[in-house]
Amino acid sequence: MSNKVIVGIYDAVGGPKTPIMRADGYQAGPTDKGEYVIAYCAKHSSPRMYRTWSNIRWGTPLRERKGILEVYINGKWQALKNFTSATKTDIQDYHQQLYGSWKVPKTWVFNDFGHITCYFFQDINKNRRLDGKERIHAEFVHTTPGNEAQSAQGKPVILTESHGCIHVEPSDIDNMIKNGYLNKGNTLIIHSYPDTAPIWPWGIGTPP
């Protein structure tokens, strides 16, 4: 008899069932099914793909000084243009879209991967450690700027399809991390769309 029990249920949305090319020039497709191991969770930076908004980590201090936008990175204030092509107007427009006010915020709230991202890998040698030829999987568990803004304003959080990552609500990823469900070394199983969800009894959970 299985000793597995359900300790929590969270909404999540992956990529589309059928691969498509998105308006941003990147292909979106089904999230890769399989069994993985959690590597770690951290604020994400993407210096190549999605560089405009995601090269700078969520929450990085942002300011305008003598007409120049600056971000506080590596212990010092540096020109924003060194990290992104986004202009002051781009930032104001995006903030208006997200939060309803046309301004430059005090922190970077535009990273496509939200305030925290959890990474996982295929554990080839079954030792539950990221080593050898193993690499971080190209899909992650994360939130989005839109969902972060909805949550911050007390609005209903509406999850949308990803390029292939797993989108979750900001409060949910925080809750999963707090409860230990996304701890380093834990198992993550991603099912294909036709799979039937497993049915287990409810139980009182403790961090894995």
N, C-alpha and C. Protein backbone atom coordinates (compact mmCIF):
# COMPACT_ATOMS: atom_id res chain seq x y z
N MET A 1 0.84 -1.19 0.00
CA MET A 1 0.00 0.00 0.00
C MET A 1 0.88 1.25 0.00
N SER A 2 0.53 2.22 -0.79
CA SER A 2 1.31 3.45 -0.88
C SER A 2 1.16 4.26 0.40
N ASN A 3 2.28 4.86 0.84
CA ASN A 3 2.23 5.72 2.02
C ASN A 3 2.14 7.19 1.62
N LYS A 4 1.83 7.45 0.36
CA LYS A 4 1.73 8.82 -0.13
C LYS A 4 0.39 9.43 0.25
N VAL A 5 0.43 10.70 0.65
CA VAL A 5 -0.79 11.43 0.96
C VAL A 5 -0.70 12.81 0.33
N ILE A 6 -1.84 13.43 0.12
CA ILE A 6 -1.89 14.79 -0.42
C ILE A 6 -1.75 15.77 0.74
N VAL A 7 -0.75 16.65 0.67
CA VAL A 7 -0.55 17.65 1.73
C VAL A 7 -0.88 19.05 1.24
N GLY A 8 -1.12 19.20 -0.05
CA GLY A 8 -1.46 20.51 -0.59
C GLY A 8 -1.77 20.43 -2.06
N ILE A 9 -2.62 21.31 -2.53
CA ILE A 9 -2.96 21.39 -3.95
C ILE A 9 -2.75 22.82 -4.41
N TYR A 10 -2.01 22.98 -5.50
CA TYR A 10 -1.69 24.31 -6.02
C TYR A 10 -1.99 24.37 -7.52
N ASP A 11 -2.51 25.48 -7.96
CA ASP A 11 -2.73 25.68 -9.39
C ASP A 11 -1.39 25.89 -10.09
N ALA A 12 -1.28 25.37 -11.30
CA ALA A 12 -0.06 25.54 -12.10
C ALA A 12 -0.42 25.42 -13.57
N VAL A 13 0.29 26.14 -14.42
CA VAL A 13 0.06 26.09 -15.86
C VAL A 13 1.40 25.97 -16.56
N GLY A 14 1.50 25.01 -17.48
CA GLY A 14 2.72 24.82 -18.25
C GLY A 14 2.59 25.39 -19.65
N GLY A 15 3.33 24.80 -20.58
CA GLY A 15 3.29 25.25 -21.96
C GLY A 15 2.10 24.70 -22.71
N PRO A 16 1.84 25.18 -23.92
CA PRO A 16 0.71 24.70 -24.72
C PRO A 16 0.88 23.25 -25.15
N LYS A 17 -0.23 22.56 -25.38
CA LYS A 17 -0.17 21.15 -25.79
C LYS A 17 0.53 20.99 -27.13
N THR A 18 0.32 21.95 -28.02
CA THR A 18 0.91 21.90 -29.36
C THR A 18 1.93 23.03 -29.51
N PRO A 19 3.14 22.73 -29.97
CA PRO A 19 4.17 23.77 -30.13
C PRO A 19 3.70 24.89 -31.04
N ILE A 20 3.97 26.13 -30.63
CA ILE A 20 3.62 27.30 -31.44
C ILE A 20 4.73 28.33 -31.33
N MET A 21 4.80 29.23 -32.31
CA MET A 21 5.76 30.32 -32.26
C MET A 21 5.06 31.54 -31.67
N ARG A 22 5.61 32.07 -30.60
CA ARG A 22 5.01 33.22 -29.94
C ARG A 22 5.44 34.52 -30.60
N ALA A 23 4.72 35.59 -30.30
CA ALA A 23 5.00 36.90 -30.88
C ALA A 23 6.38 37.42 -30.49
N ASP A 24 6.92 36.91 -29.38
CA ASP A 24 8.24 37.37 -28.94
C ASP A 24 9.38 36.70 -29.68
N GLY A 25 9.04 35.80 -30.63
CA GLY A 25 10.07 35.15 -31.42
C GLY A 25 10.57 33.84 -30.85
N TYR A 26 10.03 33.41 -29.71
CA TYR A 26 10.44 32.16 -29.08
C TYR A 26 9.33 31.12 -29.19
N GLN A 27 9.73 29.86 -29.40
CA GLN A 27 8.74 28.80 -29.52
C GLN A 27 8.25 28.38 -28.14
N ALA A 28 6.96 28.10 -28.06
CA ALA A 28 6.35 27.59 -26.84
C ALA A 28 5.85 26.17 -27.12
N GLY A 29 5.97 25.31 -26.13
CA GLY A 29 5.54 23.93 -26.32
C GLY A 29 5.23 23.26 -24.99
N PRO A 30 4.82 21.99 -25.04
CA PRO A 30 4.46 21.28 -23.81
C PRO A 30 5.63 21.22 -22.84
N THR A 31 5.34 21.33 -21.57
CA THR A 31 6.36 21.17 -20.55
C THR A 31 6.86 19.72 -20.58
N ASP A 32 8.17 19.54 -20.52
CA ASP A 32 8.75 18.20 -20.63
C ASP A 32 8.33 17.32 -19.45
N LYS A 33 7.71 16.18 -19.77
CA LYS A 33 7.30 15.27 -18.71
C LYS A 33 8.52 14.49 -18.21
N GLY A 34 8.39 13.94 -17.02
CA GLY A 34 9.47 13.14 -16.48
C GLY A 34 9.65 13.33 -14.99
N GLU A 35 10.60 12.61 -14.44
CA GLU A 35 10.92 12.71 -13.01
C GLU A 35 12.20 13.50 -12.84
N TYR A 36 12.16 14.50 -11.98
CA TYR A 36 13.30 15.39 -11.78
C TYR A 36 13.59 15.53 -10.29
N VAL A 37 14.72 16.19 -10.02
CA VAL A 37 15.10 16.49 -8.64
C VAL A 37 15.29 18.00 -8.53
N ILE A 38 14.77 18.59 -7.46
CA ILE A 38 14.93 20.03 -7.24
C ILE A 38 16.40 20.34 -6.97
N ALA A 39 16.94 21.34 -7.67
CA ALA A 39 18.33 21.75 -7.47
C ALA A 39 18.43 22.86 -6.43
N TYR A 40 17.67 23.92 -6.65
CA TYR A 40 17.66 25.06 -5.72
C TYR A 40 16.63 26.07 -6.20
N CYS A 41 16.37 27.08 -5.37
CA CYS A 41 15.49 28.19 -5.74
C CYS A 41 16.25 29.49 -5.55
N ALA A 42 16.08 30.45 -6.47
CA ALA A 42 16.81 31.72 -6.39
C ALA A 42 16.15 32.74 -7.30
N LYS A 43 16.60 33.98 -7.20
CA LYS A 43 16.14 35.03 -8.11
C LYS A 43 16.84 34.82 -9.45
N HIS A 44 16.08 34.82 -10.54
CA HIS A 44 16.61 34.45 -11.85
C HIS A 44 17.17 35.63 -12.63
N SER A 45 18.22 35.36 -13.37
CA SER A 45 18.78 36.33 -14.31
C SER A 45 19.01 35.62 -15.63
N SER A 46 18.55 36.21 -16.72
CA SER A 46 18.69 35.63 -18.05
C SER A 46 19.40 36.63 -18.96
N PRO A 47 20.73 36.56 -19.06
CA PRO A 47 21.49 37.53 -19.84
C PRO A 47 21.36 37.38 -21.35
N ARG A 48 20.79 36.27 -21.82
CA ARG A 48 20.65 36.06 -23.27
C ARG A 48 19.18 36.07 -23.67
N MET A 49 18.44 35.02 -23.37
CA MET A 49 17.02 34.99 -23.69
C MET A 49 16.26 35.94 -22.77
N TYR A 50 15.34 36.70 -23.32
CA TYR A 50 14.51 37.63 -22.55
C TYR A 50 15.34 38.67 -21.80
N ARG A 51 16.49 39.04 -22.39
CA ARG A 51 17.43 39.94 -21.73
C ARG A 51 16.81 41.28 -21.33
N THR A 52 15.94 41.82 -22.17
CA THR A 52 15.41 43.16 -21.91
C THR A 52 14.85 43.31 -20.51
N TRP A 53 14.05 42.35 -20.08
CA TRP A 53 13.41 42.45 -18.77
C TRP A 53 13.97 41.49 -17.74
N SER A 54 14.69 40.45 -18.19
CA SER A 54 15.08 39.39 -17.26
C SER A 54 16.57 39.29 -16.96
N ASN A 55 17.38 40.15 -17.55
CA ASN A 55 18.80 40.15 -17.18
C ASN A 55 18.98 40.66 -15.76
N ILE A 56 18.11 41.56 -15.34
CA ILE A 56 18.17 42.14 -14.00
C ILE A 56 17.25 41.35 -13.07
N ARG A 57 17.78 40.94 -11.93
CA ARG A 57 17.01 40.13 -10.99
C ARG A 57 15.88 40.93 -10.34
N TRP A 58 14.80 40.23 -10.03
CA TRP A 58 13.65 40.84 -9.38
C TRP A 58 14.06 41.50 -8.06
N GLY A 59 13.56 42.70 -7.83
CA GLY A 59 13.83 43.39 -6.57
C GLY A 59 15.11 44.19 -6.53
N THR A 60 15.88 44.20 -7.64
CA THR A 60 17.11 44.98 -7.69
C THR A 60 16.77 46.47 -7.54
N PRO A 61 17.44 47.20 -6.63
CA PRO A 61 17.17 48.63 -6.47
C PRO A 61 17.36 49.40 -7.77
N LEU A 62 16.47 50.35 -8.02
CA LEU A 62 16.45 51.13 -9.27
C LEU A 62 16.25 52.60 -8.92
N ARG A 63 16.99 53.48 -9.58
CA ARG A 63 16.84 54.91 -9.31
C ARG A 63 17.19 55.73 -10.54
N GLU A 64 16.79 56.99 -10.51
CA GLU A 64 17.20 57.95 -11.54
C GLU A 64 18.05 59.02 -10.86
N ARG A 65 19.26 59.20 -11.36
CA ARG A 65 20.20 60.16 -10.78
C ARG A 65 20.78 61.03 -11.88
N LYS A 66 20.50 62.32 -11.80
CA LYS A 66 20.97 63.28 -12.79
C LYS A 66 20.54 62.88 -14.20
N GLY A 67 19.30 62.41 -14.29
CA GLY A 67 18.73 62.04 -15.59
C GLY A 67 19.15 60.69 -16.12
N ILE A 68 19.92 59.93 -15.34
CA ILE A 68 20.39 58.61 -15.77
C ILE A 68 19.80 57.54 -14.87
N LEU A 69 19.20 56.52 -15.46
CA LEU A 69 18.66 55.40 -14.69
C LEU A 69 19.80 54.49 -14.26
N GLU A 70 19.77 54.07 -12.99
CA GLU A 70 20.82 53.21 -12.46
C GLU A 70 20.20 52.05 -11.67
N VAL A 71 20.94 50.93 -11.64
CA VAL A 71 20.54 49.77 -10.84
C VAL A 71 21.69 49.42 -9.91
N TYR A 72 21.34 48.89 -8.73
CA TYR A 72 22.36 48.55 -7.74
C TYR A 72 22.70 47.07 -7.87
N ILE A 73 23.82 46.80 -8.52
CA ILE A 73 24.24 45.43 -8.80
C ILE A 73 25.70 45.25 -8.39
N ASN A 74 26.01 44.12 -7.78
CA ASN A 74 27.38 43.81 -7.34
C ASN A 74 27.93 44.88 -6.41
N GLY A 75 27.06 45.39 -5.54
CA GLY A 75 27.51 46.31 -4.51
C GLY A 75 27.73 47.74 -4.93
N LYS A 76 27.26 48.11 -6.13
CA LYS A 76 27.43 49.49 -6.56
C LYS A 76 26.35 49.88 -7.56
N TRP A 77 26.09 51.20 -7.65
CA TRP A 77 25.14 51.72 -8.63
C TRP A 77 25.80 51.76 -10.00
N GLN A 78 25.09 51.21 -10.99
CA GLN A 78 25.61 51.16 -12.36
C GLN A 78 24.52 51.59 -13.34
N ALA A 79 24.93 52.09 -14.48
CA ALA A 79 23.98 52.55 -15.48
C ALA A 79 23.09 51.41 -15.95
N LEU A 80 21.80 51.66 -15.97
CA LEU A 80 20.83 50.65 -16.40
C LEU A 80 21.13 50.15 -17.80
N LYS A 81 21.60 51.03 -18.67
CA LYS A 81 21.84 50.66 -20.07
C LYS A 81 22.89 49.58 -20.22
N ASN A 82 23.69 49.33 -19.19
CA ASN A 82 24.69 48.28 -19.24
C ASN A 82 24.07 46.89 -19.13
N PHE A 83 22.80 46.84 -18.72
CA PHE A 83 22.16 45.56 -18.46
C PHE A 83 20.91 45.30 -19.29
N THR A 84 20.34 46.35 -19.87
CA THR A 84 19.11 46.18 -20.65
C THR A 84 18.96 47.32 -21.66
N SER A 85 18.24 47.02 -22.71
CA SER A 85 17.94 48.06 -23.71
C SER A 85 16.67 48.82 -23.36
N ALA A 86 15.99 48.44 -22.28
CA ALA A 86 14.75 49.11 -21.88
C ALA A 86 15.02 50.57 -21.53
N THR A 87 14.22 51.46 -22.09
CA THR A 87 14.37 52.89 -21.83
C THR A 87 13.48 53.31 -20.66
N LYS A 88 13.63 54.55 -20.24
CA LYS A 88 12.79 55.08 -19.17
C LYS A 88 11.32 54.99 -19.55
N THR A 89 11.02 55.35 -20.80
CA THR A 89 9.63 55.29 -21.26
C THR A 89 9.13 53.86 -21.28
N ASP A 90 9.98 52.91 -21.71
CA ASP A 90 9.59 51.49 -21.70
C ASP A 90 9.20 51.06 -20.29
N ILE A 91 10.01 51.45 -19.33
CA ILE A 91 9.77 51.08 -17.94
C ILE A 91 8.48 51.71 -17.42
N GLN A 92 8.29 52.97 -17.71
CA GLN A 92 7.07 53.65 -17.26
C GLN A 92 5.82 53.03 -17.89
N ASP A 93 5.92 52.73 -19.18
CA ASP A 93 4.78 52.11 -19.87
C ASP A 93 4.45 50.74 -19.29
N TYR A 94 5.49 49.94 -19.03
CA TYR A 94 5.27 48.60 -18.50
C TYR A 94 4.71 48.67 -17.08
N HIS A 95 5.22 49.61 -16.29
CA HIS A 95 4.69 49.76 -14.93
C HIS A 95 3.22 50.20 -14.96
N GLN A 96 2.88 51.04 -15.91
CA GLN A 96 1.48 51.45 -16.09
C GLN A 96 0.62 50.24 -16.41
N GLN A 97 1.11 49.39 -17.30
CA GLN A 97 0.38 48.19 -17.69
C GLN A 97 0.19 47.24 -16.51
N LEU A 98 1.21 47.10 -15.68
CA LEU A 98 1.16 46.15 -14.57
C LEU A 98 0.44 46.70 -13.35
N TYR A 99 0.78 47.93 -12.97
CA TYR A 99 0.33 48.47 -11.69
C TYR A 99 -0.59 49.69 -11.79
N GLY A 100 -0.79 50.18 -13.01
CA GLY A 100 -1.71 51.29 -13.20
C GLY A 100 -1.14 52.66 -12.92
N SER A 101 0.17 52.76 -12.72
CA SER A 101 0.80 54.07 -12.50
C SER A 101 2.03 54.20 -13.40
N TRP A 102 2.11 55.33 -14.09
CA TRP A 102 3.17 55.57 -15.07
C TRP A 102 4.38 56.16 -14.36
N LYS A 103 5.30 55.30 -13.94
CA LYS A 103 6.45 55.78 -13.18
C LYS A 103 7.60 54.78 -13.24
N VAL A 104 8.75 55.21 -12.75
CA VAL A 104 9.90 54.34 -12.57
C VAL A 104 9.87 53.87 -11.11
N PRO A 105 9.67 52.57 -10.86
CA PRO A 105 9.60 52.09 -9.48
C PRO A 105 10.96 52.09 -8.79
N LYS A 106 10.96 51.89 -7.49
CA LYS A 106 12.21 51.90 -6.73
C LYS A 106 12.97 50.58 -6.82
N THR A 107 12.29 49.54 -7.27
CA THR A 107 12.94 48.24 -7.48
C THR A 107 12.49 47.65 -8.80
N TRP A 108 13.28 46.71 -9.33
CA TRP A 108 12.99 46.08 -10.61
C TRP A 108 11.89 45.04 -10.43
N VAL A 109 10.73 45.29 -11.02
CA VAL A 109 9.58 44.39 -10.87
C VAL A 109 9.13 43.87 -12.24
N PHE A 110 10.10 43.67 -13.13
CA PHE A 110 9.76 43.31 -14.50
C PHE A 110 10.36 41.98 -14.97
N ASN A 111 11.17 41.34 -14.15
CA ASN A 111 11.80 40.09 -14.57
C ASN A 111 10.72 39.07 -14.93
N ASP A 112 10.85 38.46 -16.11
CA ASP A 112 9.84 37.53 -16.62
C ASP A 112 9.64 36.31 -15.73
N PHE A 113 10.59 36.06 -14.83
CA PHE A 113 10.54 34.86 -13.99
C PHE A 113 10.09 35.16 -12.56
N GLY A 114 9.64 36.39 -12.32
CA GLY A 114 9.09 36.73 -11.02
C GLY A 114 10.11 36.85 -9.90
N HIS A 115 9.61 36.84 -8.66
CA HIS A 115 10.48 37.14 -7.50
C HIS A 115 11.31 35.95 -7.05
N ILE A 116 10.97 34.75 -7.50
CA ILE A 116 11.75 33.56 -7.14
C ILE A 116 11.52 32.48 -8.20
N THR A 117 12.57 31.73 -8.48
CA THR A 117 12.51 30.66 -9.48
C THR A 117 13.10 29.40 -8.89
N CYS A 118 12.48 28.26 -9.14
CA CYS A 118 13.00 26.99 -8.66
C CYS A 118 13.46 26.15 -9.85
N TYR A 119 14.67 25.60 -9.72
CA TYR A 119 15.33 24.88 -10.81
C TYR A 119 15.37 23.39 -10.48
N PHE A 120 15.35 22.56 -11.53
CA PHE A 120 15.39 21.12 -11.33
C PHE A 120 16.21 20.46 -12.43
N PHE A 121 16.54 19.18 -12.25
CA PHE A 121 17.40 18.46 -13.20
C PHE A 121 17.02 16.98 -13.22
N GLN A 122 17.44 16.30 -14.29
CA GLN A 122 17.26 14.86 -14.38
C GLN A 122 18.43 14.19 -13.66
N ASP A 123 18.12 13.41 -12.67
CA ASP A 123 19.15 12.80 -11.81
C ASP A 123 19.64 11.50 -12.45
N ILE A 124 20.57 11.62 -13.37
CA ILE A 124 21.03 10.47 -14.15
C ILE A 124 21.65 9.39 -13.28
N ASN A 125 22.49 9.78 -12.33
CA ASN A 125 23.18 8.77 -11.51
C ASN A 125 22.45 8.45 -10.20
N LYS A 126 21.27 9.04 -10.02
CA LYS A 126 20.38 8.70 -8.91
C LYS A 126 20.98 8.97 -7.52
N ASN A 127 21.83 9.99 -7.42
CA ASN A 127 22.37 10.32 -6.10
C ASN A 127 21.74 11.58 -5.50
N ARG A 128 20.76 12.14 -6.24
CA ARG A 128 19.99 13.30 -5.80
C ARG A 128 20.82 14.56 -5.66
N ARG A 129 21.98 14.57 -6.33
CA ARG A 129 22.83 15.75 -6.36
C ARG A 129 23.10 16.14 -7.81
N LEU A 130 23.23 17.43 -8.06
CA LEU A 130 23.53 17.93 -9.40
C LEU A 130 25.04 17.80 -9.61
N ASP A 131 25.44 16.78 -10.36
CA ASP A 131 26.87 16.56 -10.58
C ASP A 131 27.09 15.79 -11.87
N GLY A 132 28.36 15.49 -12.17
CA GLY A 132 28.68 14.75 -13.38
C GLY A 132 28.23 15.49 -14.63
N LYS A 133 27.53 14.79 -15.50
CA LYS A 133 27.06 15.38 -16.75
C LYS A 133 25.66 15.99 -16.62
N GLU A 134 25.14 16.02 -15.43
CA GLU A 134 23.79 16.56 -15.21
C GLU A 134 23.79 18.08 -15.32
N ARG A 135 22.72 18.61 -15.87
CA ARG A 135 22.59 20.05 -16.05
C ARG A 135 21.20 20.50 -15.60
N ILE A 136 21.09 21.76 -15.22
CA ILE A 136 19.78 22.32 -14.89
C ILE A 136 18.88 22.22 -16.11
N HIS A 137 17.66 21.73 -15.91
CA HIS A 137 16.70 21.61 -17.00
C HIS A 137 16.33 23.00 -17.52
N ALA A 138 16.02 23.08 -18.79
CA ALA A 138 15.75 24.38 -19.43
C ALA A 138 14.39 24.96 -19.07
N GLU A 139 13.60 24.24 -18.31
CA GLU A 139 12.29 24.72 -17.85
C GLU A 139 12.32 24.84 -16.32
N PHE A 140 11.64 25.85 -15.80
CA PHE A 140 11.69 26.13 -14.37
C PHE A 140 10.28 26.25 -13.78
N VAL A 141 10.22 26.34 -12.46
CA VAL A 141 8.99 26.69 -11.75
C VAL A 141 9.13 28.15 -11.34
N HIS A 142 8.21 28.99 -11.77
CA HIS A 142 8.34 30.42 -11.44
C HIS A 142 7.00 31.15 -11.57
N THR A 143 7.01 32.41 -11.20
CA THR A 143 5.84 33.27 -11.35
C THR A 143 6.07 34.18 -12.57
N THR A 144 5.22 35.17 -12.75
CA THR A 144 5.36 36.11 -13.87
C THR A 144 5.14 37.53 -13.36
N PRO A 145 5.62 38.55 -14.08
CA PRO A 145 5.38 39.94 -13.65
C PRO A 145 3.89 40.27 -13.53
N GLY A 146 3.10 39.75 -14.47
CA GLY A 146 1.66 40.01 -14.42
C GLY A 146 1.02 39.43 -13.18
N ASN A 147 1.37 38.19 -12.85
CA ASN A 147 0.81 37.56 -11.66
C ASN A 147 1.34 38.20 -10.38
N GLU A 148 2.59 38.64 -10.40
CA GLU A 148 3.14 39.36 -9.24
C GLU A 148 2.35 40.65 -9.00
N ALA A 149 2.05 41.36 -10.08
CA ALA A 149 1.31 42.62 -9.96
C ALA A 149 -0.11 42.37 -9.47
N GLN A 150 -0.76 41.34 -10.00
CA GLN A 150 -2.11 41.00 -9.54
C GLN A 150 -2.11 40.69 -8.05
N SER A 151 -1.14 39.90 -7.62
CA SER A 151 -1.05 39.51 -6.22
C SER A 151 -0.78 40.72 -5.33
N ALA A 152 0.14 41.59 -5.75
CA ALA A 152 0.50 42.77 -4.96
C ALA A 152 -0.67 43.73 -4.79
N GLN A 153 -1.58 43.73 -5.77
CA GLN A 153 -2.72 44.64 -5.72
C GLN A 153 -3.99 43.99 -5.17
N GLY A 154 -3.84 42.75 -4.71
CA GLY A 154 -4.99 42.05 -4.14
C GLY A 154 -6.01 41.61 -5.16
N LYS A 155 -5.59 41.49 -6.41
CA LYS A 155 -6.49 41.06 -7.48
C LYS A 155 -6.43 39.54 -7.66
N PRO A 156 -7.44 38.94 -8.29
CA PRO A 156 -7.37 37.51 -8.59
C PRO A 156 -6.16 37.22 -9.47
N VAL A 157 -5.43 36.17 -9.15
CA VAL A 157 -4.25 35.80 -9.94
C VAL A 157 -4.68 34.85 -11.04
N ILE A 158 -4.49 35.25 -12.28
CA ILE A 158 -4.90 34.46 -13.44
C ILE A 158 -3.65 33.92 -14.12
N LEU A 159 -3.42 32.62 -13.99
CA LEU A 159 -2.24 31.99 -14.59
C LEU A 159 -2.42 31.85 -16.09
N THR A 160 -1.33 32.04 -16.83
CA THR A 160 -1.36 31.92 -18.28
C THR A 160 -0.34 30.89 -18.75
N GLU A 161 -0.51 30.42 -19.98
CA GLU A 161 0.43 29.46 -20.55
C GLU A 161 1.83 30.04 -20.63
N SER A 162 2.80 29.16 -20.48
CA SER A 162 4.20 29.54 -20.54
C SER A 162 4.80 29.13 -21.89
N HIS A 163 6.10 29.34 -22.04
CA HIS A 163 6.81 28.80 -23.20
C HIS A 163 7.12 27.32 -22.97
N GLY A 164 7.04 26.88 -21.72
CA GLY A 164 7.35 25.51 -21.35
C GLY A 164 7.61 25.36 -19.87
N CYS A 165 7.88 26.48 -19.21
CA CYS A 165 8.08 26.47 -17.75
C CYS A 165 6.75 26.19 -17.04
N ILE A 166 6.82 26.10 -15.71
CA ILE A 166 5.63 25.88 -14.91
C ILE A 166 5.30 27.18 -14.18
N HIS A 167 4.20 27.81 -14.53
CA HIS A 167 3.77 29.05 -13.89
C HIS A 167 2.93 28.74 -12.66
N VAL A 168 3.25 29.38 -11.54
CA VAL A 168 2.48 29.23 -10.31
C VAL A 168 2.22 30.61 -9.71
N GLU A 169 1.31 30.68 -8.77
CA GLU A 169 0.99 31.95 -8.12
C GLU A 169 2.12 32.36 -7.17
N PRO A 170 2.37 33.66 -7.03
CA PRO A 170 3.43 34.13 -6.13
C PRO A 170 3.30 33.60 -4.70
N SER A 171 2.09 33.65 -4.15
CA SER A 171 1.90 33.18 -2.77
C SER A 171 2.08 31.67 -2.68
N ASP A 172 1.75 30.96 -3.76
CA ASP A 172 1.87 29.50 -3.74
C ASP A 172 3.33 29.05 -3.76
N ILE A 173 4.16 29.69 -4.59
CA ILE A 173 5.57 29.28 -4.61
C ILE A 173 6.23 29.59 -3.27
N ASP A 174 5.84 30.71 -2.66
CA ASP A 174 6.35 31.03 -1.33
C ASP A 174 5.92 29.97 -0.31
N ASN A 175 4.67 29.55 -0.41
CA ASN A 175 4.14 28.55 0.51
C ASN A 175 4.83 27.21 0.32
N MET A 176 5.05 26.82 -0.93
CA MET A 176 5.72 25.54 -1.20
C MET A 176 7.15 25.54 -0.70
N ILE A 177 7.83 26.69 -0.84
CA ILE A 177 9.20 26.79 -0.34
C ILE A 177 9.20 26.76 1.18
N LYS A 178 8.29 27.51 1.80
CA LYS A 178 8.20 27.57 3.26
C LYS A 178 7.95 26.19 3.86
N ASN A 179 7.08 25.41 3.21
CA ASN A 179 6.73 24.09 3.72
C ASN A 179 7.73 23.01 3.34
N GLY A 180 8.75 23.38 2.57
CA GLY A 180 9.79 22.42 2.23
C GLY A 180 9.52 21.56 1.02
N TYR A 181 8.42 21.83 0.30
CA TYR A 181 8.07 20.99 -0.84
C TYR A 181 9.03 21.19 -2.01
N LEU A 182 9.66 22.36 -2.09
CA LEU A 182 10.60 22.63 -3.18
C LEU A 182 12.03 22.68 -2.67
N ASN A 183 12.30 21.95 -1.60
CA ASN A 183 13.65 21.88 -1.05
C ASN A 183 14.60 21.16 -2.01
N LYS A 184 15.85 21.52 -1.94
CA LYS A 184 16.90 20.85 -2.70
C LYS A 184 16.86 19.35 -2.41
N GLY A 185 16.87 18.54 -3.48
CA GLY A 185 16.88 17.09 -3.34
C GLY A 185 15.52 16.44 -3.40
N ASN A 186 14.44 17.22 -3.35
CA ASN A 186 13.10 16.65 -3.44
C ASN A 186 12.77 16.27 -4.88
N THR A 187 11.86 15.33 -5.02
CA THR A 187 11.45 14.85 -6.34
C THR A 187 10.33 15.72 -6.92
N LEU A 188 10.44 16.00 -8.21
CA LEU A 188 9.39 16.70 -8.95
C LEU A 188 9.01 15.84 -10.14
N ILE A 189 7.75 15.45 -10.22
CA ILE A 189 7.27 14.64 -11.33
C ILE A 189 6.33 15.48 -12.19
N ILE A 190 6.65 15.58 -13.47
CA ILE A 190 5.83 16.32 -14.42
C ILE A 190 5.12 15.32 -15.32
N HIS A 191 3.81 15.38 -15.34
CA HIS A 191 3.01 14.45 -16.13
C HIS A 191 2.67 15.06 -17.49
N SER A 192 2.39 14.20 -18.46
CA SER A 192 1.95 14.68 -19.77
C SER A 192 0.48 15.05 -19.68
N TYR A 193 -0.02 15.78 -20.68
CA TYR A 193 -1.40 16.23 -20.64
C TYR A 193 -2.43 15.10 -20.56
N PRO A 194 -2.23 13.97 -21.27
CA PRO A 194 -3.24 12.91 -21.21
C PRO A 194 -3.25 12.15 -19.89
N ASP A 195 -2.20 12.29 -19.07
CA ASP A 195 -2.12 11.53 -17.83
C ASP A 195 -3.26 11.90 -16.88
N THR A 196 -3.75 10.90 -16.16
CA THR A 196 -4.76 11.12 -15.14
C THR A 196 -4.07 11.47 -13.83
N ALA A 197 -4.55 12.47 -13.15
CA ALA A 197 -3.94 12.88 -11.88
C ALA A 197 -4.04 11.75 -10.87
N PRO A 198 -2.95 11.47 -10.13
CA PRO A 198 -3.00 10.41 -9.12
C PRO A 198 -3.96 10.77 -8.00
N ILE A 199 -4.58 9.76 -7.43
CA ILE A 199 -5.53 9.97 -6.33
C ILE A 199 -4.96 9.37 -5.06
N TRP A 200 -4.65 10.22 -4.11
CA TRP A 200 -4.14 9.78 -2.82
C TRP A 200 -4.98 10.39 -1.71
N PRO A 201 -4.97 9.79 -0.53
CA PRO A 201 -5.74 10.37 0.59
C PRO A 201 -5.08 11.65 1.10
N TRP A 202 -5.87 12.49 1.74
CA TRP A 202 -5.33 13.69 2.38
C TRP A 202 -4.62 13.30 3.66
N GLY A 203 -3.58 14.02 3.99
CA GLY A 203 -2.83 13.74 5.21
C GLY A 203 -2.22 15.01 5.76
N ILE A 204 -1.63 14.90 6.93
CA ILE A 204 -0.92 16.02 7.53
C ILE A 204 0.52 15.95 7.09
N GLY A 205 0.95 16.95 6.35
CA GLY A 205 2.28 16.89 5.77
C GLY A 205 3.34 17.51 6.66
N THR A 206 4.53 16.99 6.52
CA THR A 206 5.72 17.60 7.10
C THR A 206 6.71 17.81 5.97
N PRO A 207 7.62 18.76 6.11
CA PRO A 207 8.59 19.01 5.03
C PRO A 207 9.30 17.73 4.63
N PRO A 208 9.39 17.44 3.32
CA PRO A 208 10.04 16.21 2.86
C PRO A 208 11.49 16.15 3.31
